[in-house]
């Protein structure tokens, strides 16, 4: 296995891991701010970088049953949110392949 290099985003507003400030996503990739995570407010993002993904598991959430996988910061291994793999409810299908990052676990990177 080769070396894993971090991706550095070029944007006016970059969200990073609160623990180590590794770039995770930019403000333009936010789809919705109307989400809740284990730590409170959370955002739905179209794309996220510099993460590792855990095994997929089925979870019952407030919006129904989903198959999700936790996502961790690649640099410090801190859990920063989750990825939606599958939504069983047709009204929730828009979440598939998208990422939740919890606001409490993020910081603004300049």
PDB file of N, CA and C in Angstrom:
ATOM      1  N   UNK A   1       0.843  -1.179   0.000  1.00  0.00           N
ATOM      2  CA  UNK A   1       0.000   0.000   0.000  1.00  0.00           C
ATOM      3  C   UNK A   1       0.888   1.242   0.000  1.00  0.00           C
ATOM      4  N   UNK A   2       0.537   2.214  -0.826  1.00  0.00           N
ATOM      5  CA  UNK A   2       1.308   3.446  -0.913  1.00  0.00           C
ATOM      6  C   UNK A   2       0.918   4.433   0.165  1.00  0.00           C
ATOM      7  N   UNK A   3       1.558   5.559   0.140  1.00  0.00           N
ATOM      8  CA  UNK A   3       1.261   6.617   1.098  1.00  0.00           C
ATOM      9  C   UNK A   3      -0.081   7.258   0.790  1.00  0.00           C
ATOM     10  N   UNK A   4      -0.806   7.638   1.827  1.00  0.00           N
ATOM     11  CA  UNK A   4      -2.073   8.344   1.663  1.00  0.00           C
ATOM     12  C   UNK A   4      -1.817   9.826   1.908  1.00  0.00           C
ATOM     13  N   UNK A   5      -2.094  10.640   0.918  1.00  0.00           N
ATOM     14  CA  UNK A   5      -1.900  12.075   1.030  1.00  0.00           C
ATOM     15  C   UNK A   5      -3.235  12.755   1.299  1.00  0.00           C
ATOM     16  N   UNK A   6      -3.226  13.753   2.164  1.00  0.00           N
ATOM     17  CA  UNK A   6      -4.438  14.515   2.427  1.00  0.00           C
ATOM     18  C   UNK A   6      -4.743  15.440   1.259  1.00  0.00           C
ATOM     19  N   UNK A   7      -6.023  15.648   1.040  1.00  0.00           N
ATOM     20  CA  UNK A   7      -6.500  16.600   0.050  1.00  0.00           C
ATOM     21  C   UNK A   7      -6.669  17.939   0.754  1.00  0.00           C
ATOM     22  N   UNK A   8      -6.164  19.003   0.151  1.00  0.00           N
ATOM     23  CA  UNK A   8      -6.322  20.342   0.709  1.00  0.00           C
ATOM     24  C   UNK A   8      -7.288  21.111  -0.176  1.00  0.00           C
ATOM     25  N   UNK A   9      -8.372  21.568   0.424  1.00  0.00           N
ATOM     26  CA  UNK A   9      -9.425  22.258  -0.319  1.00  0.00           C
ATOM     27  C   UNK A   9      -9.089  23.736  -0.486  1.00  0.00           C
ATOM     28  N   UNK A  10      -9.557  24.295  -1.583  1.00  0.00           N
ATOM     29  CA  UNK A  10      -9.349  25.710  -1.867  1.00  0.00           C
ATOM     30  C   UNK A  10     -10.717  26.372  -1.958  1.00  0.00           C
ATOM     31  N   UNK A  11     -11.142  26.984  -0.862  1.00  0.00           N
ATOM     32  CA  UNK A  11     -12.462  27.588  -0.790  1.00  0.00           C
ATOM     33  C   UNK A  11     -12.445  28.686   0.270  1.00  0.00           C
ATOM     34  N   UNK A  12     -13.427  29.569   0.218  1.00  0.00           N
ATOM     35  CA  UNK A  12     -13.522  30.634   1.217  1.00  0.00           C
ATOM     36  C   UNK A  12     -13.878  30.095   2.597  1.00  0.00           C
ATOM     37  N   UNK A  13     -14.730  29.060   2.658  1.00  0.00           N
ATOM     38  CA  UNK A  13     -15.144  28.475   3.929  1.00  0.00           C
ATOM     39  C   UNK A  13     -14.912  26.980   3.894  1.00  0.00           C
ATOM     40  N   UNK A  14     -13.943  26.540   4.658  1.00  0.00           N
ATOM     41  CA  UNK A  14     -13.580  25.126   4.711  1.00  0.00           C
ATOM     42  C   UNK A  14     -13.900  24.594   6.102  1.00  0.00           C
ATOM     43  N   UNK A  15     -14.531  23.422   6.127  1.00  0.00           N
ATOM     44  CA  UNK A  15     -14.804  22.744   7.388  1.00  0.00           C
ATOM     45  C   UNK A  15     -13.738  21.670   7.596  1.00  0.00           C
ATOM     46  N   UNK A  16     -13.198  21.630   8.804  1.00  0.00           N
ATOM     47  CA  UNK A  16     -12.158  20.663   9.123  1.00  0.00           C
ATOM     48  C   UNK A  16     -12.476  19.912  10.394  1.00  0.00           C
ATOM     49  N   UNK A  17     -11.684  18.909  10.672  1.00  0.00           N
ATOM     50  CA  UNK A  17     -11.789  18.135  11.902  1.00  0.00           C
ATOM     51  C   UNK A  17     -11.436  19.042  13.075  1.00  0.00           C
ATOM     52  N   UNK A  18     -12.297  19.083  14.078  1.00  0.00           N
ATOM     53  CA  UNK A  18     -12.063  19.942  15.242  1.00  0.00           C
ATOM     54  C   UNK A  18     -10.805  19.526  15.998  1.00  0.00           C
ATOM     55  N   UNK A  19     -10.483  18.249  15.944  1.00  0.00           N
ATOM     56  CA  UNK A  19      -9.346  17.711  16.687  1.00  0.00           C
ATOM     57  C   UNK A  19      -7.995  18.065  16.048  1.00  0.00           C
ATOM     58  N   UNK A  20      -7.897  17.938  14.714  1.00  0.00           N
ATOM     59  CA  UNK A  20      -6.586  18.113  14.065  1.00  0.00           C
ATOM     60  C   UNK A  20      -6.594  19.106  12.899  1.00  0.00           C
ATOM     61  N   UNK A  21      -7.762  19.676  12.577  1.00  0.00           N
ATOM     62  CA  UNK A  21      -7.921  20.689  11.527  1.00  0.00           C
ATOM     63  C   UNK A  21      -7.718  20.171  10.100  1.00  0.00           C
ATOM     64  N   UNK A  22      -7.727  18.870   9.909  1.00  0.00           N
ATOM     65  CA  UNK A  22      -7.642  18.305   8.563  1.00  0.00           C
ATOM     66  C   UNK A  22      -8.880  18.722   7.764  1.00  0.00           C
ATOM     67  N   UNK A  23      -8.698  19.163   6.532  1.00  0.00           N
ATOM     68  CA  UNK A  23      -9.805  19.569   5.669  1.00  0.00           C
ATOM     69  C   UNK A  23     -10.752  18.393   5.453  1.00  0.00           C
ATOM     70  N   UNK A  24     -12.069  18.668   5.565  1.00  0.00           N
ATOM     71  CA  UNK A  24     -13.082  17.637   5.334  1.00  0.00           C
ATOM     72  C   UNK A  24     -14.031  18.003   4.193  1.00  0.00           C
ATOM     73  N   UNK A  25     -14.498  19.240   4.166  1.00  0.00           N
ATOM     74  CA  UNK A  25     -15.405  19.653   3.094  1.00  0.00           C
ATOM     75  C   UNK A  25     -15.451  21.179   3.042  1.00  0.00           C
ATOM     76  N   UNK A  26     -16.107  21.695   2.004  1.00  0.00           N
ATOM     77  CA  UNK A  26     -16.247  23.147   1.929  1.00  0.00           C
ATOM     78  C   UNK A  26     -17.718  23.544   1.978  1.00  0.00           C
ATOM     79  N   UNK A  27     -17.941  24.787   2.274  1.00  0.00           N
ATOM     80  CA  UNK A  27     -19.284  25.311   2.498  1.00  0.00           C
ATOM     81  C   UNK A  27     -20.209  25.093   1.297  1.00  0.00           C
ATOM     82  N   UNK A  28     -19.668  25.145   0.099  1.00  0.00           N
ATOM     83  CA  UNK A  28     -20.477  24.996  -1.111  1.00  0.00           C
ATOM     84  C   UNK A  28     -21.038  23.589  -1.283  1.00  0.00           C
ATOM     85  N   UNK A  29     -20.505  22.612  -0.573  1.00  0.00           N
ATOM     86  CA  UNK A  29     -20.983  21.229  -0.671  1.00  0.00           C
ATOM     87  C   UNK A  29     -22.106  20.906   0.309  1.00  0.00           C
ATOM     88  N   UNK A  30     -22.535  21.891   1.107  1.00  0.00           N
ATOM     89  CA  UNK A  30     -23.645  21.645   2.030  1.00  0.00           C
ATOM     90  C   UNK A  30     -24.951  21.564   1.231  1.00  0.00           C
ATOM     91  N   UNK A  31     -25.675  20.474   1.455  1.00  0.00           N
ATOM     92  CA  UNK A  31     -26.993  20.291   0.836  1.00  0.00           C
ATOM     93  C   UNK A  31     -28.080  20.791   1.786  1.00  0.00           C
ATOM     94  N   UNK A  32     -27.915  20.491   3.085  1.00  0.00           N
ATOM     95  CA  UNK A  32     -28.904  20.896   4.085  1.00  0.00           C
ATOM     96  C   UNK A  32     -28.238  21.085   5.442  1.00  0.00           C
ATOM     97  N   UNK A  33     -28.745  22.063   6.185  1.00  0.00           N
ATOM     98  CA  UNK A  33     -28.290  22.298   7.563  1.00  0.00           C
ATOM     99  C   UNK A  33     -29.325  21.809   8.571  1.00  0.00           C
ATOM    100  N   UNK A  34     -30.350  21.161   8.091  1.00  0.00           N
ATOM    101  CA  UNK A  34     -31.487  20.774   8.920  1.00  0.00           C
ATOM    102  C   UNK A  34     -31.376  19.313   9.390  1.00  0.00           C
ATOM    103  N   UNK A  35     -30.263  18.962  10.009  1.00  0.00           N
ATOM    104  CA  UNK A  35     -30.038  17.593  10.483  1.00  0.00           C
ATOM    105  C   UNK A  35     -29.574  17.618  11.927  1.00  0.00           C
ATOM    106  N   UNK A  36     -29.773  16.498  12.608  1.00  0.00           N
ATOM    107  CA  UNK A  36     -29.316  16.332  13.987  1.00  0.00           C
ATOM    108  C   UNK A  36     -28.471  15.071  14.060  1.00  0.00           C
ATOM    109  N   UNK A  37     -27.378  15.165  14.816  1.00  0.00           N
ATOM    110  CA  UNK A  37     -26.520  14.011  15.054  1.00  0.00           C
ATOM    111  C   UNK A  37     -26.495  13.690  16.536  1.00  0.00           C
ATOM    112  N   UNK A  38     -25.596  12.830  16.939  1.00  0.00           N
ATOM    113  CA  UNK A  38     -25.462  12.457  18.345  1.00  0.00           C
ATOM    114  C   UNK A  38     -25.053  13.647  19.203  1.00  0.00           C
ATOM    115  N   UNK A  39     -24.335  14.604  18.623  1.00  0.00           N
ATOM    116  CA  UNK A  39     -23.822  15.751  19.360  1.00  0.00           C
ATOM    117  C   UNK A  39     -24.589  17.042  19.077  1.00  0.00           C
ATOM    118  N   UNK A  40     -25.757  16.932  18.460  1.00  0.00           N
ATOM    119  CA  UNK A  40     -26.546  18.133  18.160  1.00  0.00           C
ATOM    120  C   UNK A  40     -26.615  18.419  16.674  1.00  0.00           C
ATOM    121  N   UNK A  41     -26.468  19.687  16.309  1.00  0.00           N
ATOM    122  CA  UNK A  41     -26.604  20.134  14.923  1.00  0.00           C
ATOM    123  C   UNK A  41     -25.643  19.400  13.990  1.00  0.00           C
ATOM    124  N   UNK A  42     -26.151  19.079  12.798  1.00  0.00           N
ATOM    125  CA  UNK A  42     -25.334  18.384  11.795  1.00  0.00           C
ATOM    126  C   UNK A  42     -25.715  18.889  10.409  1.00  0.00           C
ATOM    127  N   UNK A  43     -24.817  18.690   9.451  1.00  0.00           N
ATOM    128  CA  UNK A  43     -25.027  19.151   8.078  1.00  0.00           C
ATOM    129  C   UNK A  43     -24.920  17.979   7.115  1.00  0.00           C
ATOM    130  N   UNK A  44     -25.752  18.013   6.071  1.00  0.00           N
ATOM    131  CA  UNK A  44     -25.678  17.020   4.998  1.00  0.00           C
ATOM    132  C   UNK A  44     -24.797  17.593   3.891  1.00  0.00           C
ATOM    133  N   UNK A  45     -23.729  16.875   3.564  1.00  0.00           N
ATOM    134  CA  UNK A  45     -22.774  17.305   2.537  1.00  0.00           C
ATOM    135  C   UNK A  45     -22.840  16.400   1.322  1.00  0.00           C
ATOM    136  N   UNK A  46     -22.588  16.986   0.175  1.00  0.00           N
ATOM    137  CA  UNK A  46     -22.524  16.224  -1.069  1.00  0.00           C
ATOM    138  C   UNK A  46     -21.234  15.418  -1.157  1.00  0.00           C
ATOM    139  N   UNK A  47     -20.119  15.984  -0.714  1.00  0.00           N
ATOM    140  CA  UNK A  47     -18.840  15.270  -0.777  1.00  0.00           C
ATOM    141  C   UNK A  47     -17.967  15.654   0.408  1.00  0.00           C
ATOM    142  N   UNK A  48     -17.119  14.710   0.796  1.00  0.00           N
ATOM    143  CA  UNK A  48     -16.214  14.870   1.929  1.00  0.00           C
ATOM    144  C   UNK A  48     -14.879  14.246   1.533  1.00  0.00           C
ATOM    145  N   UNK A  49     -13.773  14.825   1.997  1.00  0.00           N
ATOM    146  CA  UNK A  49     -12.434  14.302   1.697  1.00  0.00           C
ATOM    147  C   UNK A  49     -11.714  13.945   2.998  1.00  0.00           C
ATOM    148  N   UNK A  50     -10.625  13.242   2.873  1.00  0.00           N
ATOM    149  CA  UNK A  50      -9.732  12.913   3.995  1.00  0.00           C
ATOM    150  C   UNK A  50     -10.429  12.137   5.110  1.00  0.00           C
ATOM    151  N   UNK A  51     -11.213  11.139   4.694  1.00  0.00           N
ATOM    152  CA  UNK A  51     -11.911  10.304   5.672  1.00  0.00           C
ATOM    153  C   UNK A  51     -11.624   8.828   5.414  1.00  0.00           C
ATOM    154  N   UNK A  52     -11.880   8.022   6.428  1.00  0.00           N
ATOM    155  CA  UNK A  52     -11.956   6.571   6.270  1.00  0.00           C
ATOM    156  C   UNK A  52     -13.374   6.175   6.643  1.00  0.00           C
ATOM    157  N   UNK A  53     -13.844   5.073   6.081  1.00  0.00           N
ATOM    158  CA  UNK A  53     -15.211   4.635   6.307  1.00  0.00           C
ATOM    159  C   UNK A  53     -15.226   3.303   7.044  1.00  0.00           C
ATOM    160  N   UNK A  54     -16.111   3.196   8.034  1.00  0.00           N
ATOM    161  CA  UNK A  54     -16.283   1.951   8.778  1.00  0.00           C
ATOM    162  C   UNK A  54     -17.189   1.006   7.984  1.00  0.00           C
ATOM    163  N   UNK A  55     -17.426  -0.164   8.525  1.00  0.00           N
ATOM    164  CA  UNK A  55     -18.318  -1.131   7.890  1.00  0.00           C
ATOM    165  C   UNK A  55     -19.751  -0.596   7.905  1.00  0.00           C
ATOM    166  N   UNK A  56     -20.506  -0.955   6.872  1.00  0.00           N
ATOM    167  CA  UNK A  56     -21.903  -0.543   6.790  1.00  0.00           C
ATOM    168  C   UNK A  56     -22.731  -1.295   7.824  1.00  0.00           C
ATOM    169  N   UNK A  57     -23.711  -0.566   8.411  1.00  0.00           N
ATOM    170  CA  UNK A  57     -24.615  -1.183   9.382  1.00  0.00           C
ATOM    171  C   UNK A  57     -25.989  -0.558   9.249  1.00  0.00           C
ATOM    172  N   UNK A  58     -26.982  -1.333   9.624  1.00  0.00           N
ATOM    173  CA  UNK A  58     -28.343  -0.828   9.581  1.00  0.00           C
ATOM    174  C   UNK A  58     -28.638  -0.083  10.876  1.00  0.00           C
ATOM    175  N   UNK A  59     -29.239   1.113  10.745  1.00  0.00           N
ATOM    176  CA  UNK A  59     -29.587   1.916  11.919  1.00  0.00           C
ATOM    177  C   UNK A  59     -31.002   2.452  11.773  1.00  0.00           C
ATOM    178  N   UNK A  60     -31.737   2.419  12.864  1.00  0.00           N
ATOM    179  CA  UNK A  60     -33.041   3.083  12.912  1.00  0.00           C
ATOM    180  C   UNK A  60     -32.790   4.519  13.355  1.00  0.00           C
ATOM    181  N   UNK A  61     -33.180   5.447  12.503  1.00  0.00           N
ATOM    182  CA  UNK A  61     -32.970   6.866  12.780  1.00  0.00           C
ATOM    183  C   UNK A  61     -34.324   7.557  12.831  1.00  0.00           C
ATOM    184  N   UNK A  62     -34.330   8.820  13.175  1.00  0.00           N
ATOM    185  CA  UNK A  62     -35.603   9.539  13.314  1.00  0.00           C
ATOM    186  C   UNK A  62     -36.383   9.582  12.002  1.00  0.00           C
ATOM    187  N   UNK A  63     -35.705   9.491  10.871  1.00  0.00           N
ATOM    188  CA  UNK A  63     -36.376   9.532   9.564  1.00  0.00           C
ATOM    189  C   UNK A  63     -36.595   8.152   8.973  1.00  0.00           C
ATOM    190  N   UNK A  64     -36.359   7.105   9.753  1.00  0.00           N
ATOM    191  CA  UNK A  64     -36.594   5.748   9.264  1.00  0.00           C
ATOM    192  C   UNK A  64     -35.331   4.903   9.315  1.00  0.00           C
ATOM    193  N   UNK A  65     -35.413   3.741   8.688  1.00  0.00           N
ATOM    194  CA  UNK A  65     -34.304   2.797   8.688  1.00  0.00           C
ATOM    195  C   UNK A  65     -33.358   3.107   7.533  1.00  0.00           C
ATOM    196  N   UNK A  66     -32.059   3.098   7.830  1.00  0.00           N
ATOM    197  CA  UNK A  66     -31.039   3.388   6.825  1.00  0.00           C
ATOM    198  C   UNK A  66     -29.865   2.418   7.000  1.00  0.00           C
ATOM    199  N   UNK A  67     -29.114   2.220   5.933  1.00  0.00           N
ATOM    200  CA  UNK A  67     -27.813   1.563   6.035  1.00  0.00           C
ATOM    201  C   UNK A  67     -26.791   2.679   5.950  1.00  0.00           C
ATOM    202  N   UNK A  68     -25.993   2.798   7.012  1.00  0.00           N
ATOM    203  CA  UNK A  68     -25.020   3.888   7.128  1.00  0.00           C
ATOM    204  C   UNK A  68     -23.669   3.323   7.535  1.00  0.00           C
ATOM    205  N   UNK A  69     -22.651   4.136   7.387  1.00  0.00           N
ATOM    206  CA  UNK A  69     -21.320   3.780   7.885  1.00  0.00           C
ATOM    207  C   UNK A  69     -20.693   5.011   8.514  1.00  0.00           C
ATOM    208  N   UNK A  70     -20.104   4.830   9.689  1.00  0.00           N
ATOM    209  CA  UNK A  70     -19.417   5.935  10.347  1.00  0.00           C
ATOM    210  C   UNK A  70     -18.238   6.380   9.499  1.00  0.00           C
ATOM    211  N   UNK A  71     -17.948   7.677   9.532  1.00  0.00           N
ATOM    212  CA  UNK A  71     -16.770   8.188   8.831  1.00  0.00           C
ATOM    213  C   UNK A  71     -15.839   8.824   9.862  1.00  0.00           C
ATOM    214  N   UNK A  72     -14.560   8.597   9.674  1.00  0.00           N
ATOM    215  CA  UNK A  72     -13.533   9.074  10.595  1.00  0.00           C
ATOM    216  C   UNK A  72     -12.540   9.951   9.849  1.00  0.00           C
ATOM    217  N   UNK A  73     -11.989  10.928  10.559  1.00  0.00           N
ATOM    218  CA  UNK A  73     -10.916  11.747  10.019  1.00  0.00           C
ATOM    219  C   UNK A  73      -9.737  10.843   9.710  1.00  0.00           C
ATOM    220  N   UNK A  74      -9.188  10.944   8.522  1.00  0.00           N
ATOM    221  CA  UNK A  74      -8.060  10.092   8.134  1.00  0.00           C
ATOM    222  C   UNK A  74      -6.807  10.395   8.961  1.00  0.00           C
ATOM    223  N   UNK A  75      -6.666  11.642   9.406  1.00  0.00           N
ATOM    224  CA  UNK A  75      -5.456  12.053  10.113  1.00  0.00           C
ATOM    225  C   UNK A  75      -5.430  11.572  11.564  1.00  0.00           C
ATOM    226  N   UNK A  76      -6.523  11.815  12.316  1.00  0.00           N
ATOM    227  CA  UNK A  76      -6.518  11.511  13.759  1.00  0.00           C
ATOM    228  C   UNK A  76      -7.484  10.392  14.149  1.00  0.00           C
ATOM    229  N   UNK A  77      -8.240   9.862  13.196  1.00  0.00           N
ATOM    230  CA  UNK A  77      -9.187   8.758  13.402  1.00  0.00           C
ATOM    231  C   UNK A  77     -10.421   9.140  14.214  1.00  0.00           C
ATOM    232  N   UNK A  78     -10.627  10.415  14.478  1.00  0.00           N
ATOM    233  CA  UNK A  78     -11.817  10.867  15.216  1.00  0.00           C
ATOM    234  C   UNK A  78     -13.059  10.661  14.353  1.00  0.00           C
ATOM    235  N   UNK A  79     -14.132  10.123  14.940  1.00  0.00           N
ATOM    236  CA  UNK A  79     -15.396   9.993  14.212  1.00  0.00           C
ATOM    237  C   UNK A  79     -15.969  11.393  14.012  1.00  0.00           C
ATOM    238  N   UNK A  80     -16.307  11.727  12.769  1.00  0.00           N
ATOM    239  CA  UNK A  80     -16.815  13.067  12.458  1.00  0.00           C
ATOM    240  C   UNK A  80     -18.247  13.049  11.922  1.00  0.00           C
ATOM    241  N   UNK A  81     -18.793  11.866  11.652  1.00  0.00           N
ATOM    242  CA  UNK A  81     -20.151  11.770  11.126  1.00  0.00           C
ATOM    243  C   UNK A  81     -20.414  10.406  10.540  1.00  0.00           C
ATOM    244  N   UNK A  82     -21.278  10.366   9.515  1.00  0.00           N
ATOM    245  CA  UNK A  82     -21.579   9.099   8.848  1.00  0.00           C
ATOM    246  C   UNK A  82     -21.961   9.334   7.396  1.00  0.00           C
ATOM    247  N   UNK A  83     -21.958   8.239   6.645  1.00  0.00           N
ATOM    248  CA  UNK A  83     -22.349   8.259   5.231  1.00  0.00           C
ATOM    249  C   UNK A  83     -23.605   7.410   5.078  1.00  0.00           C
ATOM    250  N   UNK A  84     -24.564   7.907   4.302  1.00  0.00           N
ATOM    251  CA  UNK A  84     -25.757   7.135   3.986  1.00  0.00           C
ATOM    252  C   UNK A  84     -25.474   6.240   2.787  1.00  0.00           C
ATOM    253  N   UNK A  85     -25.562   4.938   2.984  1.00  0.00           N
ATOM    254  CA  UNK A  85     -25.425   4.004   1.861  1.00  0.00           C
ATOM    255  C   UNK A  85     -26.774   3.696   1.220  1.00  0.00           C
ATOM    256  N   UNK A  86     -27.795   3.497   2.065  1.00  0.00           N
ATOM    257  CA  UNK A  86     -29.111   3.120   1.542  1.00  0.00           C
ATOM    258  C   UNK A  86     -30.196   3.649   2.459  1.00  0.00           C
ATOM    259  N   UNK A  87     -31.257   4.150   1.854  1.00  0.00           N
ATOM    260  CA  UNK A  87     -32.455   4.579   2.585  1.00  0.00           C
ATOM    261  C   UNK A  87     -33.601   3.692   2.127  1.00  0.00           C
ATOM    262  N   UNK A  88     -34.372   3.171   3.058  1.00  0.00           N
ATOM    263  CA  UNK A  88     -35.489   2.295   2.708  1.00  0.00           C
ATOM    264  C   UNK A  88     -36.741   3.073   2.331  1.00  0.00           C
ATOM    265  N   UNK A  89     -36.929   4.250   2.903  1.00  0.00           N
ATOM    266  CA  UNK A  89     -38.088   5.085   2.585  1.00  0.00           C
ATOM    267  C   UNK A  89     -37.821   5.846   1.286  1.00  0.00           C
ATOM    268  N   UNK A  90     -38.793   5.851   0.392  1.00  0.00           N
ATOM    269  CA  UNK A  90     -38.577   6.532  -0.898  1.00  0.00           C
ATOM    270  C   UNK A  90     -38.333   8.033  -0.713  1.00  0.00           C
ATOM    271  N   UNK A  91     -38.931   8.636   0.306  1.00  0.00           N
ATOM    272  CA  UNK A  91     -38.746  10.065   0.533  1.00  0.00           C
ATOM    273  C   UNK A  91     -37.348  10.402   1.057  1.00  0.00           C
ATOM    274  N   UNK A  92     -36.584   9.396   1.459  1.00  0.00           N
ATOM    275  CA  UNK A  92     -35.246   9.599   2.011  1.00  0.00           C
ATOM    276  C   UNK A  92     -34.130   9.210   1.041  1.00  0.00           C
ATOM    277  N   UNK A  93     -34.473   8.774  -0.162  1.00  0.00           N
ATOM    278  CA  UNK A  93     -33.489   8.290  -1.142  1.00  0.00           C
ATOM    279  C   UNK A  93     -32.460   9.358  -1.525  1.00  0.00           C
ATOM    280  N   UNK A  94     -32.819  10.638  -1.415  1.00  0.00           N
ATOM    281  CA  UNK A  94     -31.890  11.709  -1.780  1.00  0.00           C
ATOM    282  C   UNK A  94     -30.628  11.710  -0.920  1.00  0.00           C
ATOM    283  N   UNK A  95     -30.670  11.034   0.247  1.00  0.00           N
ATOM    284  CA  UNK A  95     -29.525  10.993   1.150  1.00  0.00           C
ATOM    285  C   UNK A  95     -28.477   9.966   0.724  1.00  0.00           C
ATOM    286  N   UNK A  96     -28.843   9.026  -0.116  1.00  0.00           N
ATOM    287  CA  UNK A  96     -27.931   7.940  -0.482  1.00  0.00           C
ATOM    288  C   UNK A  96     -26.653   8.487  -1.119  1.00  0.00           C
ATOM    289  N   UNK A  97     -25.515   8.028  -0.594  1.00  0.00           N
ATOM    290  CA  UNK A  97     -24.221   8.474  -1.096  1.00  0.00           C
ATOM    291  C   UNK A  97     -23.774   9.819  -0.537  1.00  0.00           C
ATOM    292  N   UNK A  98     -24.576  10.409   0.354  1.00  0.00           N
ATOM    293  CA  UNK A  98     -24.248  11.707   0.942  1.00  0.00           C
ATOM    294  C   UNK A  98     -23.692  11.513   2.353  1.00  0.00           C
ATOM    295  N   UNK A  99     -23.137  12.586   2.916  1.00  0.00           N
ATOM    296  CA  UNK A  99     -22.421  12.524   4.193  1.00  0.00           C
ATOM    297  C   UNK A  99     -23.015  13.477   5.209  1.00  0.00           C
ATOM    298  N   UNK A 100     -23.053  13.039   6.453  1.00  0.00           N
ATOM    299  CA  UNK A 100     -23.414  13.900   7.577  1.00  0.00           C
ATOM    300  C   UNK A 100     -22.134  14.211   8.347  1.00  0.00           C
ATOM    301  N   UNK A 101     -21.878  15.494   8.559  1.00  0.00           N
ATOM    302  CA  UNK A 101     -20.801  15.928   9.445  1.00  0.00           C
ATOM    303  C   UNK A 101     -21.454  16.674  10.606  1.00  0.00           C
ATOM    304  N   UNK A 102     -21.065  16.301  11.824  1.00  0.00           N
ATOM    305  CA  UNK A 102     -21.654  16.912  13.005  1.00  0.00           C
ATOM    306  C   UNK A 102     -20.931  18.212  13.345  1.00  0.00           C
ATOM    307  N   UNK A 103     -21.704  19.276  13.520  1.00  0.00           N
ATOM    308  CA  UNK A 103     -21.152  20.614  13.745  1.00  0.00           C
ATOM    309  C   UNK A 103     -20.215  20.644  14.951  1.00  0.00           C
ATOM    310  N   UNK A 104     -20.539  19.921  15.995  1.00  0.00           N
ATOM    311  CA  UNK A 104     -19.734  19.916  17.218  1.00  0.00           C
ATOM    312  C   UNK A 104     -18.334  19.332  16.975  1.00  0.00           C
ATOM    313  N   UNK A 105     -18.193  18.527  15.930  1.00  0.00           N
ATOM    314  CA  UNK A 105     -16.914  17.863  15.645  1.00  0.00           C
ATOM    315  C   UNK A 105     -16.120  18.566  14.553  1.00  0.00           C
ATOM    316  N   UNK A 106     -16.624  19.738  14.111  1.00  0.00           N
ATOM    317  CA  UNK A 106     -15.993  20.488  13.027  1.00  0.00           C
ATOM    318  C   UNK A 106     -15.417  21.805  13.527  1.00  0.00           C
ATOM    319  N   UNK A 107     -14.521  22.362  12.737  1.00  0.00           N
ATOM    320  CA  UNK A 107     -14.028  23.720  12.969  1.00  0.00           C
ATOM    321  C   UNK A 107     -13.875  24.398  11.623  1.00  0.00           C
ATOM    322  N   UNK A 108     -13.822  25.720  11.634  1.00  0.00           N
ATOM    323  CA  UNK A 108     -13.567  26.494  10.410  1.00  0.00           C
ATOM    324  C   UNK A 108     -12.057  26.533  10.226  1.00  0.00           C
ATOM    325  N   UNK A 109     -11.601  26.175   9.031  1.00  0.00           N
ATOM    326  CA  UNK A 109     -10.166  26.170   8.720  1.00  0.00           C
ATOM    327  C   UNK A 109      -9.891  27.333   7.772  1.00  0.00           C
ATOM    328  N   UNK A 110      -8.859  28.105   8.093  1.00  0.00           N
ATOM    329  CA  UNK A 110      -8.538  29.243   7.209  1.00  0.00           C
ATOM    330  C   UNK A 110      -7.240  29.019   6.483  1.00  0.00           C
TER     331      UNK A 110
END
